[in-house]
Amino acid sequence: MQTNPNRVGAVQTTIEVIRALLDLEEATIASVAEEVGLSTSAVHNHLATLEEAGFVTREDGSFLPGYAFLEIGGRLRSDLDLYKYGRPEIDRLAKETGESANLMAMENGQGVVLYLAKGDDAIQFDAYTGRRFNLHTNALGKAILSELSRERVETIVERHGLAAETENTITDETTLFEELEQVRERGIAFDDEERLEGLRCVASPVTVDGEVLGSISVSGPASRLNRDRFREELPEQVSRAAELVSINIQY
């Protein structure tokens, strides 16, 4: 990706320091400095400024992201109609199916998990609120892509690529567009172990006045999401939930 000539170096450094706090097991001044390639004094200044503003906390010599990030994210999310009307349907889907139900929006050509709920039988996997995924790797993302113009999908692919997550991930642009056409026709996207081995997912887009706002899904182990449940039962439940969210947002 081309570097923005107008970006502010100090801000970029602060962003790198914050990301280091997330990635490092023990984020000391020394370990963060090594991670971002800066002097310890420079990193200390960035961390001290973030700490004073409440964006970083200190515990036993290590630094952690502060709850100020959660406050910002929470306020942003609570203002979204997709979250406001989608959350009750996600909770209901999780309860009815016993699996994981998920709500995704799109930002900068990637999928962002807005909310998820776990049913009684749900398995643990690597999704959490705020987690980003490349759209081509999963049902939620393909449901969103199916509602975009070909030109916009091509732009997203050019920016983020079609990297493989498993041997089942779509990595060819022609195959992707063929898949998106099928998703568009049936209103349902399937993820058959394309992002994680052993995990299947069924998703449907949430649209209002022809614009896609996000998508809803149910995911679970391939051993349970099989045959008619994967291809018929869950698609009906998920598409109905997505339709209800769309109607509630609109009216």
Protein backbone atom coordinates (compact mmCIF):
# COMPACT_ATOMS: atom_id res chain seq x y z
CA MET A 1 0.00 0.00 0.00
CA GLN A 2 1.29 3.47 -0.90
CA THR A 3 2.39 5.62 2.04
CA ASN A 4 0.31 8.71 2.69
CA PRO A 5 2.65 11.72 2.26
CA ASN A 6 0.50 13.76 4.66
CA ARG A 7 0.57 11.37 7.60
CA VAL A 8 1.91 12.67 10.91
CA GLY A 9 4.95 10.74 12.07
CA ALA A 10 4.33 11.16 15.79
CA VAL A 11 0.77 9.87 15.46
CA GLN A 12 1.99 6.89 13.43
CA THR A 13 4.53 6.11 16.15
CA THR A 14 1.84 6.27 18.84
CA ILE A 15 -0.27 3.83 16.84
CA GLU A 16 2.69 1.45 16.57
CA VAL A 17 3.27 1.68 20.33
CA ILE A 18 -0.39 0.88 21.04
CA ARG A 19 -0.31 -2.13 18.71
CA ALA A 20 2.85 -3.34 20.44
CA LEU A 21 0.99 -3.26 23.76
CA LEU A 22 -1.61 -5.58 22.25
CA ASP A 23 0.91 -7.96 20.70
CA LEU A 24 3.48 -8.31 23.47
CA GLU A 25 3.02 -10.68 26.38
CA GLU A 26 4.96 -8.40 28.70
CA ALA A 27 4.97 -4.82 27.41
CA THR A 28 7.80 -3.09 29.22
CA ILE A 29 9.41 0.07 27.92
CA ALA A 30 12.36 -1.98 26.70
CA SER A 31 10.27 -4.63 24.93
CA VAL A 32 8.04 -2.02 23.26
CA ALA A 33 11.13 -0.07 22.14
CA GLU A 34 12.55 -3.22 20.56
CA GLU A 35 9.22 -4.05 18.92
CA VAL A 36 8.77 -0.66 17.25
CA GLY A 37 12.45 0.11 16.67
CA LEU A 38 12.70 3.24 18.80
CA SER A 39 14.81 4.39 21.75
CA THR A 40 13.54 3.64 25.24
CA SER A 41 13.33 7.37 25.98
CA ALA A 42 11.08 7.97 22.96
CA VAL A 43 8.82 5.05 23.89
CA HIS A 44 8.70 6.26 27.50
CA ASN A 45 7.45 9.67 26.34
CA HIS A 46 4.70 8.12 24.20
CA LEU A 47 3.60 5.77 26.97
CA ALA A 48 3.64 8.51 29.60
CA THR A 49 1.45 10.72 27.43
CA LEU A 50 -1.00 7.87 26.77
CA GLU A 51 -1.04 6.98 30.46
CA GLU A 52 -1.82 10.54 31.49
CA ALA A 53 -4.78 10.57 29.07
CA GLY A 54 -6.09 7.23 30.39
CA PHE A 55 -5.30 5.21 27.28
CA VAL A 56 -2.56 3.18 28.98
CA THR A 57 -2.26 1.72 32.48
CA ARG A 58 0.79 0.40 34.29
CA GLU A 59 0.93 -2.82 36.29
CA ASP A 60 4.10 -4.29 37.87
CA GLY A 61 6.33 -2.52 35.38
CA SER A 62 4.31 -3.56 32.33
CA PHE A 63 1.99 -1.38 30.31
CA LEU A 64 -1.53 -2.30 29.18
CA PRO A 65 -4.13 -0.59 26.98
CA GLY A 66 -6.57 1.36 29.15
CA TYR A 67 -10.36 1.28 29.30
CA ALA A 68 -10.51 4.61 27.46
CA PHE A 69 -10.37 2.56 24.24
CA LEU A 70 -13.35 0.56 25.43
CA GLU A 71 -15.25 3.77 26.18
CA ILE A 72 -14.66 5.08 22.66
CA GLY A 73 -15.53 1.76 21.04
CA GLY A 74 -18.62 1.34 23.18
CA ARG A 75 -19.94 4.79 22.33
CA LEU A 76 -19.26 4.27 18.63
CA ARG A 77 -21.00 0.91 18.60
CA SER A 78 -24.03 2.03 20.60
CA ASP A 79 -24.76 4.72 18.02
CA LEU A 80 -24.99 2.20 15.17
CA ASP A 81 -28.47 1.08 14.10
CA LEU A 82 -26.95 -2.21 12.96
CA TYR A 83 -25.84 -2.92 16.52
CA LYS A 84 -28.94 -1.48 18.21
CA TYR A 85 -31.36 -3.64 16.22
CA GLY A 86 -28.98 -6.50 15.49
CA ARG A 87 -28.04 -7.37 19.06
CA PRO A 88 -31.47 -8.78 20.08
CA GLU A 89 -31.54 -10.99 16.98
CA ILE A 90 -28.01 -12.24 17.64
CA ASP A 91 -28.96 -13.12 21.21
CA ARG A 92 -32.06 -14.92 19.98
CA LEU A 93 -30.15 -16.88 17.33
CA ALA A 94 -27.55 -17.99 19.87
CA LYS A 95 -30.25 -19.17 22.26
CA GLU A 96 -32.30 -20.95 19.59
CA THR A 97 -29.41 -22.69 17.84
CA GLY A 98 -27.11 -23.27 20.81
CA GLU A 99 -24.23 -22.09 18.60
CA SER A 100 -22.29 -18.84 18.16
CA ALA A 101 -24.19 -15.98 16.53
CA ASN A 102 -22.27 -13.05 15.07
CA LEU A 103 -22.83 -9.52 13.78
CA MET A 104 -20.35 -7.95 11.37
CA ALA A 105 -19.92 -4.53 9.75
CA MET A 106 -17.42 -3.43 7.11
CA GLU A 107 -14.74 -0.78 7.45
CA ASN A 108 -11.96 -0.01 4.98
CA GLY A 109 -12.66 -3.19 3.04
CA GLN A 110 -12.45 -5.52 6.04
CA GLY A 111 -15.05 -7.13 8.26
CA VAL A 112 -15.28 -5.96 11.88
CA VAL A 113 -17.09 -8.03 14.51
CA LEU A 114 -19.62 -5.72 16.22
CA TYR A 115 -21.19 -8.25 18.53
CA LEU A 116 -21.35 -11.98 19.20
CA ALA A 117 -23.30 -14.23 21.52
CA LYS A 118 -22.67 -17.80 22.62
CA GLY A 119 -25.36 -20.48 22.83
CA ASP A 120 -25.25 -23.31 25.35
CA ASP A 121 -23.30 -25.60 23.00
CA ALA A 122 -21.08 -22.97 21.38
CA ILE A 123 -17.39 -23.70 20.94
CA GLN A 124 -14.61 -21.21 21.61
CA PHE A 125 -12.75 -19.77 18.63
CA ASP A 126 -10.80 -16.63 17.75
CA ALA A 127 -13.64 -14.14 17.18
CA TYR A 128 -14.24 -11.24 19.56
CA THR A 129 -15.76 -7.77 19.41
CA GLY A 130 -13.58 -5.53 17.27
CA ARG A 131 -11.75 -8.40 15.57
CA ARG A 132 -11.06 -7.77 11.87
CA PHE A 133 -11.21 -10.35 9.12
CA ASN A 134 -10.58 -10.29 5.40
CA LEU A 135 -14.01 -10.53 3.82
CA HIS A 136 -13.28 -13.32 1.33
CA THR A 137 -12.37 -15.82 4.05
CA ASN A 138 -15.74 -16.22 5.77
CA ALA A 139 -19.51 -16.31 5.28
CA LEU A 140 -20.13 -12.98 7.01
CA GLY A 141 -17.69 -11.27 4.68
CA LYS A 142 -18.97 -12.95 1.53
CA ALA A 143 -22.53 -11.94 2.46
CA ILE A 144 -21.36 -8.30 2.57
CA LEU A 145 -19.32 -8.56 -0.63
CA SER A 146 -22.29 -10.03 -2.51
CA GLU A 147 -24.15 -6.73 -2.08
CA LEU A 148 -21.32 -4.56 -3.43
CA SER A 149 -20.60 -3.60 -7.03
CA ARG A 150 -18.00 -5.58 -8.94
CA GLU A 151 -15.77 -2.50 -9.07
CA ARG A 152 -15.85 -2.09 -5.31
CA VAL A 153 -15.08 -5.76 -4.70
CA GLU A 154 -12.16 -5.51 -7.12
CA THR A 155 -10.85 -2.51 -5.17
CA ILE A 156 -11.09 -4.45 -1.90
CA VAL A 157 -9.30 -7.46 -3.41
CA GLU A 158 -6.57 -5.20 -4.78
CA ARG A 159 -6.06 -3.67 -1.35
CA HIS A 160 -6.27 -6.75 0.88
CA GLY A 161 -5.56 -9.64 -1.47
CA LEU A 162 -7.02 -13.14 -1.37
CA ALA A 163 -4.73 -14.86 1.11
CA ALA A 164 -5.54 -18.42 2.16
CA GLU A 165 -6.53 -19.15 5.75
CA THR A 166 -7.15 -22.87 5.11
CA GLU A 167 -6.98 -25.10 2.07
CA ASN A 168 -10.68 -24.30 1.46
CA THR A 169 -10.28 -20.50 1.32
CA ILE A 170 -11.17 -18.88 -2.01
CA THR A 171 -7.93 -17.45 -3.40
CA ASP A 172 -8.90 -16.90 -7.03
CA GLU A 173 -10.76 -13.76 -8.12
CA THR A 174 -12.85 -15.52 -10.77
CA THR A 175 -13.95 -18.16 -8.27
CA LEU A 176 -14.79 -15.43 -5.76
CA PHE A 177 -17.09 -13.60 -8.17
CA GLU A 178 -18.80 -16.87 -9.10
CA GLU A 179 -19.36 -17.56 -5.41
CA LEU A 180 -20.68 -14.04 -4.79
CA GLU A 181 -23.20 -14.44 -7.61
CA GLN A 182 -24.54 -17.58 -5.93
CA VAL A 183 -24.70 -15.78 -2.58
CA ARG A 184 -26.61 -12.93 -4.20
CA GLU A 185 -29.13 -15.32 -5.77
CA ARG A 186 -29.90 -17.28 -2.60
CA GLY A 187 -29.33 -14.49 -0.04
CA ILE A 188 -27.13 -16.84 1.99
CA ALA A 189 -23.35 -17.26 2.24
CA PHE A 190 -21.65 -20.43 3.41
CA ASP A 191 -18.24 -20.87 5.01
CA ASP A 192 -17.27 -24.52 4.78
CA GLU A 193 -14.06 -24.55 6.85
CA GLU A 194 -12.69 -21.67 4.77
CA ARG A 195 -11.35 -19.57 7.63
CA LEU A 196 -10.81 -22.17 10.34
CA GLU A 197 -10.54 -25.91 9.94
CA GLY A 198 -13.49 -27.64 11.56
CA LEU A 199 -15.65 -24.49 11.63
CA ARG A 200 -18.67 -23.85 9.43
CA CYS A 201 -20.75 -20.71 9.19
CA VAL A 202 -24.00 -19.54 7.57
CA ALA A 203 -24.53 -15.80 6.99
CA SER A 204 -26.97 -13.36 5.44
CA PRO A 205 -26.53 -9.66 4.59
CA VAL A 206 -28.40 -6.85 6.32
CA THR A 207 -29.49 -4.28 3.76
CA VAL A 208 -31.54 -1.08 3.90
CA ASP A 209 -32.66 0.74 0.75
CA GLY A 210 -30.22 -1.27 -1.35
CA GLU A 211 -27.22 -0.50 0.85
CA VAL A 212 -25.50 -3.24 2.81
CA LEU A 213 -24.91 -2.34 6.47
CA GLY A 214 -23.40 -5.62 7.59
CA SER A 215 -24.24 -9.28 8.04
CA ILE A 216 -25.49 -11.84 10.55
CA SER A 217 -24.31 -15.42 10.98
CA VAL A 218 -24.41 -18.61 12.98
CA SER A 219 -21.21 -20.63 13.25
CA GLY A 220 -20.26 -23.90 14.84
CA PRO A 221 -18.31 -27.14 14.45
CA ALA A 222 -18.62 -28.94 11.13
CA SER A 223 -19.66 -32.08 13.02
CA ARG A 224 -22.88 -30.34 14.13
CA LEU A 225 -23.43 -28.02 11.18
CA ASN A 226 -23.94 -30.79 8.66
CA ARG A 227 -26.38 -31.92 5.97
CA ASP A 228 -29.82 -30.29 6.22
CA ARG A 229 -28.93 -28.22 9.26
CA PHE A 230 -26.11 -26.49 7.41
CA ARG A 231 -27.85 -26.09 4.06
CA GLU A 232 -31.50 -25.60 5.02
CA GLU A 233 -32.37 -25.15 8.71
CA LEU A 234 -29.76 -22.54 9.69
CA PRO A 235 -30.07 -20.57 6.43
CA GLU A 236 -33.77 -20.08 7.13
CA GLN A 237 -33.12 -18.89 10.68
CA VAL A 238 -30.28 -16.58 9.71
CA SER A 239 -32.03 -15.01 6.71
CA ARG A 240 -35.14 -14.41 8.82
CA ALA A 241 -33.06 -12.67 11.49
CA ALA A 242 -31.29 -10.50 8.90
CA GLU A 243 -34.64 -9.54 7.37
CA LEU A 244 -36.04 -8.55 10.78
CA VAL A 245 -33.02 -6.36 11.50
CA SER A 246 -33.38 -4.66 8.10
CA ILE A 247 -37.10 -4.00 8.69
CA ASN A 248 -36.53 -2.67 12.21
CA ILE A 249 -33.80 -0.31 11.04
CA GLN A 250 -35.93 0.96 8.19
CA TYR A 251 -39.16 1.47 10.12
